[in-house]
Amino acid sequence: MGKYVCGPCGYVYDPELGDPDNGVEPGTAFFDIPDDWACPVCGAPKDMFEAE
């Protein structure tokens, strides 16, 4: 499971940490995050992220 970076703001999604504040449990692969999830920093949609 690799990390993914938000293009607009640089936030790094780390699957080991997840995004529990927004309903994504630690250990969740990026591709398993719901499509309506957005960057917790800038609100960019999931498709604006790129593999690190």
PDB file of N, CA and C in Angstrom:
ATOM      1  N   MET A   1       0.847  -1.190   0.000  1.00  0.00           N
ATOM      2  CA  MET A   1       0.000   0.000   0.000  1.00  0.00           C
ATOM      3  C   MET A   1       0.882   1.240   0.000  1.00  0.00           C
ATOM      4  N   GLY A   2       0.779   2.004  -1.058  1.00  0.00           N
ATOM      5  CA  GLY A   2       1.606   3.189  -1.178  1.00  0.00           C
ATOM      6  C   GLY A   2       0.891   4.445  -0.722  1.00  0.00           C
ATOM      7  N   LYS A   3       1.661   5.506  -0.577  1.00  0.00           N
ATOM      8  CA  LYS A   3       1.128   6.803  -0.199  1.00  0.00           C
ATOM      9  C   LYS A   3       0.682   7.553  -1.449  1.00  0.00           C
ATOM     10  N   TYR A   4      -0.286   8.436  -1.278  1.00  0.00           N
ATOM     11  CA  TYR A   4      -0.798   9.254  -2.373  1.00  0.00           C
ATOM     12  C   TYR A   4      -0.770  10.713  -1.957  1.00  0.00           C
ATOM     13  N   VAL A   5      -0.432  11.582  -2.927  1.00  0.00           N
ATOM     14  CA  VAL A   5      -0.262  13.011  -2.655  1.00  0.00           C
ATOM     15  C   VAL A   5      -1.344  13.816  -3.368  1.00  0.00           C
ATOM     16  N   CYS A   6      -1.928  14.753  -2.634  1.00  0.00           N
ATOM     17  CA  CYS A   6      -2.924  15.662  -3.218  1.00  0.00           C
ATOM     18  C   CYS A   6      -2.201  16.671  -4.102  1.00  0.00           C
ATOM     19  N   GLY A   7      -2.564  16.724  -5.379  1.00  0.00           N
ATOM     20  CA  GLY A   7      -1.932  17.643  -6.320  1.00  0.00           C
ATOM     21  C   GLY A   7      -2.048  19.108  -5.920  1.00  0.00           C
ATOM     22  N   PRO A   8      -3.244  19.588  -5.555  1.00  0.00           N
ATOM     23  CA  PRO A   8      -3.388  21.003  -5.226  1.00  0.00           C
ATOM     24  C   PRO A   8      -2.661  21.461  -3.963  1.00  0.00           C
ATOM     25  N   CYS A   9      -2.635  20.628  -2.900  1.00  0.00           N
ATOM     26  CA  CYS A   9      -2.084  21.152  -1.636  1.00  0.00           C
ATOM     27  C   CYS A   9      -0.904  20.362  -1.071  1.00  0.00           C
ATOM     28  N   GLY A  10      -0.644  19.165  -1.590  1.00  0.00           N
ATOM     29  CA  GLY A  10       0.500  18.407  -1.111  1.00  0.00           C
ATOM     30  C   GLY A  10       0.235  17.489   0.080  1.00  0.00           C
ATOM     31  N   TYR A  11      -1.019  17.427   0.561  1.00  0.00           N
ATOM     32  CA  TYR A  11      -1.361  16.502   1.641  1.00  0.00           C
ATOM     33  C   TYR A  11      -1.023  15.078   1.205  1.00  0.00           C
ATOM     34  N   VAL A  12      -0.431  14.311   2.112  1.00  0.00           N
ATOM     35  CA  VAL A  12      -0.063  12.930   1.800  1.00  0.00           C
ATOM     36  C   VAL A  12      -1.001  11.984   2.537  1.00  0.00           C
ATOM     37  N   TYR A  13      -1.715  11.153   1.759  1.00  0.00           N
ATOM     38  CA  TYR A  13      -2.534  10.106   2.368  1.00  0.00           C
ATOM     39  C   TYR A  13      -1.640   8.903   2.621  1.00  0.00           C
ATOM     40  N   ASP A  14      -1.526   8.513   3.881  1.00  0.00           N
ATOM     41  CA  ASP A  14      -0.722   7.364   4.291  1.00  0.00           C
ATOM     42  C   ASP A  14      -1.687   6.264   4.726  1.00  0.00           C
ATOM     43  N   PRO A  15      -1.722   5.141   4.008  1.00  0.00           N
ATOM     44  CA  PRO A  15      -2.678   4.089   4.348  1.00  0.00           C
ATOM     45  C   PRO A  15      -2.481   3.514   5.749  1.00  0.00           C
ATOM     46  N   GLU A  16      -1.275   3.599   6.281  1.00  0.00           N
ATOM     47  CA  GLU A  16      -1.050   3.106   7.643  1.00  0.00           C
ATOM     48  C   GLU A  16      -1.789   3.965   8.673  1.00  0.00           C
ATOM     49  N   LEU A  17      -1.961   5.253   8.356  1.00  0.00           N
ATOM     50  CA  LEU A  17      -2.649   6.176   9.263  1.00  0.00           C
ATOM     51  C   LEU A  17      -4.129   6.322   8.933  1.00  0.00           C
ATOM     52  N   GLY A  18      -4.483   6.144   7.645  1.00  0.00           N
ATOM     53  CA  GLY A  18      -5.854   6.367   7.215  1.00  0.00           C
ATOM     54  C   GLY A  18      -6.246   7.828   7.387  1.00  0.00           C
ATOM     55  N   ASP A  19      -7.533   8.065   7.524  1.00  0.00           N
ATOM     56  CA  ASP A  19      -8.078   9.406   7.789  1.00  0.00           C
ATOM     57  C   ASP A  19      -9.282   9.214   8.709  1.00  0.00           C
ATOM     58  N   PRO A  20      -9.015   8.779   9.959  1.00  0.00           N
ATOM     59  CA  PRO A  20     -10.120   8.440  10.860  1.00  0.00           C
ATOM     60  C   PRO A  20     -11.099   9.580  11.121  1.00  0.00           C
ATOM     61  N   ASP A  21     -10.642  10.819  11.050  1.00  0.00           N
ATOM     62  CA  ASP A  21     -11.547  11.948  11.265  1.00  0.00           C
ATOM     63  C   ASP A  21     -12.615  12.041  10.181  1.00  0.00           C
ATOM     64  N   ASN A  22     -12.342  11.408   9.042  1.00  0.00           N
ATOM     65  CA  ASN A  22     -13.282  11.438   7.913  1.00  0.00           C
ATOM     66  C   ASN A  22     -13.753  10.042   7.534  1.00  0.00           C
ATOM     67  N   GLY A  23     -13.697   9.108   8.470  1.00  0.00           N
ATOM     68  CA  GLY A  23     -14.284   7.785   8.274  1.00  0.00           C
ATOM     69  C   GLY A  23     -13.425   6.763   7.564  1.00  0.00           C
ATOM     70  N   VAL A  24     -12.125   7.036   7.397  1.00  0.00           N
ATOM     71  CA  VAL A  24     -11.240   6.082   6.726  1.00  0.00           C
ATOM     72  C   VAL A  24     -10.307   5.485   7.784  1.00  0.00           C
ATOM     73  N   GLU A  25     -10.518   4.210   8.083  1.00  0.00           N
ATOM     74  CA  GLU A  25      -9.770   3.538   9.139  1.00  0.00           C
ATOM     75  C   GLU A  25      -8.302   3.338   8.751  1.00  0.00           C
ATOM     76  N   PRO A  26      -7.399   3.335   9.738  1.00  0.00           N
ATOM     77  CA  PRO A  26      -5.994   2.990   9.458  1.00  0.00           C
ATOM     78  C   PRO A  26      -5.920   1.615   8.797  1.00  0.00           C
ATOM     79  N   GLY A  27      -4.995   1.480   7.850  1.00  0.00           N
ATOM     80  CA  GLY A  27      -4.850   0.228   7.107  1.00  0.00           C
ATOM     81  C   GLY A  27      -5.676   0.176   5.836  1.00  0.00           C
ATOM     82  N   THR A  28      -6.356   1.270   5.487  1.00  0.00           N
ATOM     83  CA  THR A  28      -7.183   1.320   4.287  1.00  0.00           C
ATOM     84  C   THR A  28      -6.359   1.768   3.088  1.00  0.00           C
ATOM     85  N   ALA A  29      -6.280   0.905   2.075  1.00  0.00           N
ATOM     86  CA  ALA A  29      -5.572   1.255   0.844  1.00  0.00           C
ATOM     87  C   ALA A  29      -6.289   2.416   0.151  1.00  0.00           C
ATOM     88  N   PHE A  30      -5.536   3.230  -0.570  1.00  0.00           N
ATOM     89  CA  PHE A  30      -6.118   4.392  -1.245  1.00  0.00           C
ATOM     90  C   PHE A  30      -7.279   3.986  -2.153  1.00  0.00           C
ATOM     91  N   PHE A  31      -7.121   2.873  -2.883  1.00  0.00           N
ATOM     92  CA  PHE A  31      -8.161   2.453  -3.820  1.00  0.00           C
ATOM     93  C   PHE A  31      -9.415   1.951  -3.117  1.00  0.00           C
ATOM     94  N   ASP A  32      -9.338   1.677  -1.819  1.00  0.00           N
ATOM     95  CA  ASP A  32     -10.497   1.223  -1.054  1.00  0.00           C
ATOM     96  C   ASP A  32     -11.255   2.363  -0.384  1.00  0.00           C
ATOM     97  N   ILE A  33     -10.730   3.587  -0.501  1.00  0.00           N
ATOM     98  CA  ILE A  33     -11.424   4.756   0.044  1.00  0.00           C
ATOM     99  C   ILE A  33     -12.636   5.040  -0.849  1.00  0.00           C
ATOM    100  N   PRO A  34     -13.787   5.375  -0.265  1.00  0.00           N
ATOM    101  CA  PRO A  34     -14.957   5.707  -1.097  1.00  0.00           C
ATOM    102  C   PRO A  34     -14.650   6.836  -2.086  1.00  0.00           C
ATOM    103  N   ASP A  35     -15.272   6.765  -3.252  1.00  0.00           N
ATOM    104  CA  ASP A  35     -15.017   7.753  -4.306  1.00  0.00           C
ATOM    105  C   ASP A  35     -15.424   9.167  -3.912  1.00  0.00           C
ATOM    106  N   ASP A  36     -16.324   9.312  -2.937  1.00  0.00           N
ATOM    107  CA  ASP A  36     -16.755  10.654  -2.548  1.00  0.00           C
ATOM    108  C   ASP A  36     -15.881  11.265  -1.447  1.00  0.00           C
ATOM    109  N   TRP A  37     -14.840  10.544  -1.037  1.00  0.00           N
ATOM    110  CA  TRP A  37     -13.882  11.093  -0.065  1.00  0.00           C
ATOM    111  C   TRP A  37     -13.137  12.255  -0.714  1.00  0.00           C
ATOM    112  N   ALA A  38     -12.788  13.254   0.082  1.00  0.00           N
ATOM    113  CA  ALA A  38     -12.050  14.418  -0.420  1.00  0.00           C
ATOM    114  C   ALA A  38     -10.865  14.700   0.493  1.00  0.00           C
ATOM    115  N   CYS A  39      -9.891  15.411  -0.024  1.00  0.00           N
ATOM    116  CA  CYS A  39      -8.718  15.794   0.756  1.00  0.00           C
ATOM    117  C   CYS A  39      -9.168  16.502   2.029  1.00  0.00           C
ATOM    118  N   PRO A  40      -8.693  16.052   3.192  1.00  0.00           N
ATOM    119  CA  PRO A  40      -9.111  16.693   4.438  1.00  0.00           C
ATOM    120  C   PRO A  40      -8.528  18.091   4.641  1.00  0.00           C
ATOM    121  N   VAL A  41      -7.545  18.473   3.837  1.00  0.00           N
ATOM    122  CA  VAL A  41      -6.930  19.791   3.977  1.00  0.00           C
ATOM    123  C   VAL A  41      -7.590  20.813   3.055  1.00  0.00           C
ATOM    124  N   CYS A  42      -7.695  20.469   1.762  1.00  0.00           N
ATOM    125  CA  CYS A  42      -8.193  21.465   0.799  1.00  0.00           C
ATOM    126  C   CYS A  42      -9.522  21.095   0.139  1.00  0.00           C
ATOM    127  N   GLY A  43      -9.995  19.864   0.367  1.00  0.00           N
ATOM    128  CA  GLY A  43     -11.277  19.461  -0.201  1.00  0.00           C
ATOM    129  C   GLY A  43     -11.217  18.968  -1.634  1.00  0.00           C
ATOM    130  N   ALA A  44     -10.007  18.793  -2.177  1.00  0.00           N
ATOM    131  CA  ALA A  44      -9.882  18.299  -3.552  1.00  0.00           C
ATOM    132  C   ALA A  44     -10.433  16.879  -3.640  1.00  0.00           C
ATOM    133  N   PRO A  45     -11.042  16.529  -4.772  1.00  0.00           N
ATOM    134  CA  PRO A  45     -11.585  15.182  -4.923  1.00  0.00           C
ATOM    135  C   PRO A  45     -10.479  14.123  -5.014  1.00  0.00           C
ATOM    136  N   LYS A  46     -10.859  12.890  -4.767  1.00  0.00           N
ATOM    137  CA  LYS A  46      -9.919  11.765  -4.743  1.00  0.00           C
ATOM    138  C   LYS A  46      -9.122  11.654  -6.041  1.00  0.00           C
ATOM    139  N   ASP A  47      -9.731  12.015  -7.172  1.00  0.00           N
ATOM    140  CA  ASP A  47      -9.026  11.860  -8.461  1.00  0.00           C
ATOM    141  C   ASP A  47      -7.929  12.897  -8.675  1.00  0.00           C
ATOM    142  N   MET A  48      -7.752  13.803  -7.726  1.00  0.00           N
ATOM    143  CA  MET A  48      -6.664  14.791  -7.813  1.00  0.00           C
ATOM    144  C   MET A  48      -5.393  14.298  -7.117  1.00  0.00           C
ATOM    145  N   PHE A  49      -5.430  13.078  -6.586  1.00  0.00           N
ATOM    146  CA  PHE A  49      -4.280  12.495  -5.899  1.00  0.00           C
ATOM    147  C   PHE A  49      -3.446  11.665  -6.868  1.00  0.00           C
ATOM    148  N   GLU A  50      -2.141  11.641  -6.636  1.00  0.00           N
ATOM    149  CA  GLU A  50      -1.223  10.847  -7.446  1.00  0.00           C
ATOM    150  C   GLU A  50      -0.345  10.005  -6.524  1.00  0.00           C
ATOM    151  N   ALA A  51       0.068   8.838  -7.013  1.00  0.00           N
ATOM    152  CA  ALA A  51       0.963   7.980  -6.233  1.00  0.00           C
ATOM    153  C   ALA A  51       2.252   8.715  -5.941  1.00  0.00           C
ATOM    154  N   GLU A  52       2.769   8.528  -4.735  1.00  0.00           N
ATOM    155  CA  GLU A  52       4.009   9.184  -4.331  1.00  0.00           C
ATOM    156  C   GLU A  52       5.199   8.450  -4.906  1.00  0.00           C
TER     157      GLU A  52
END
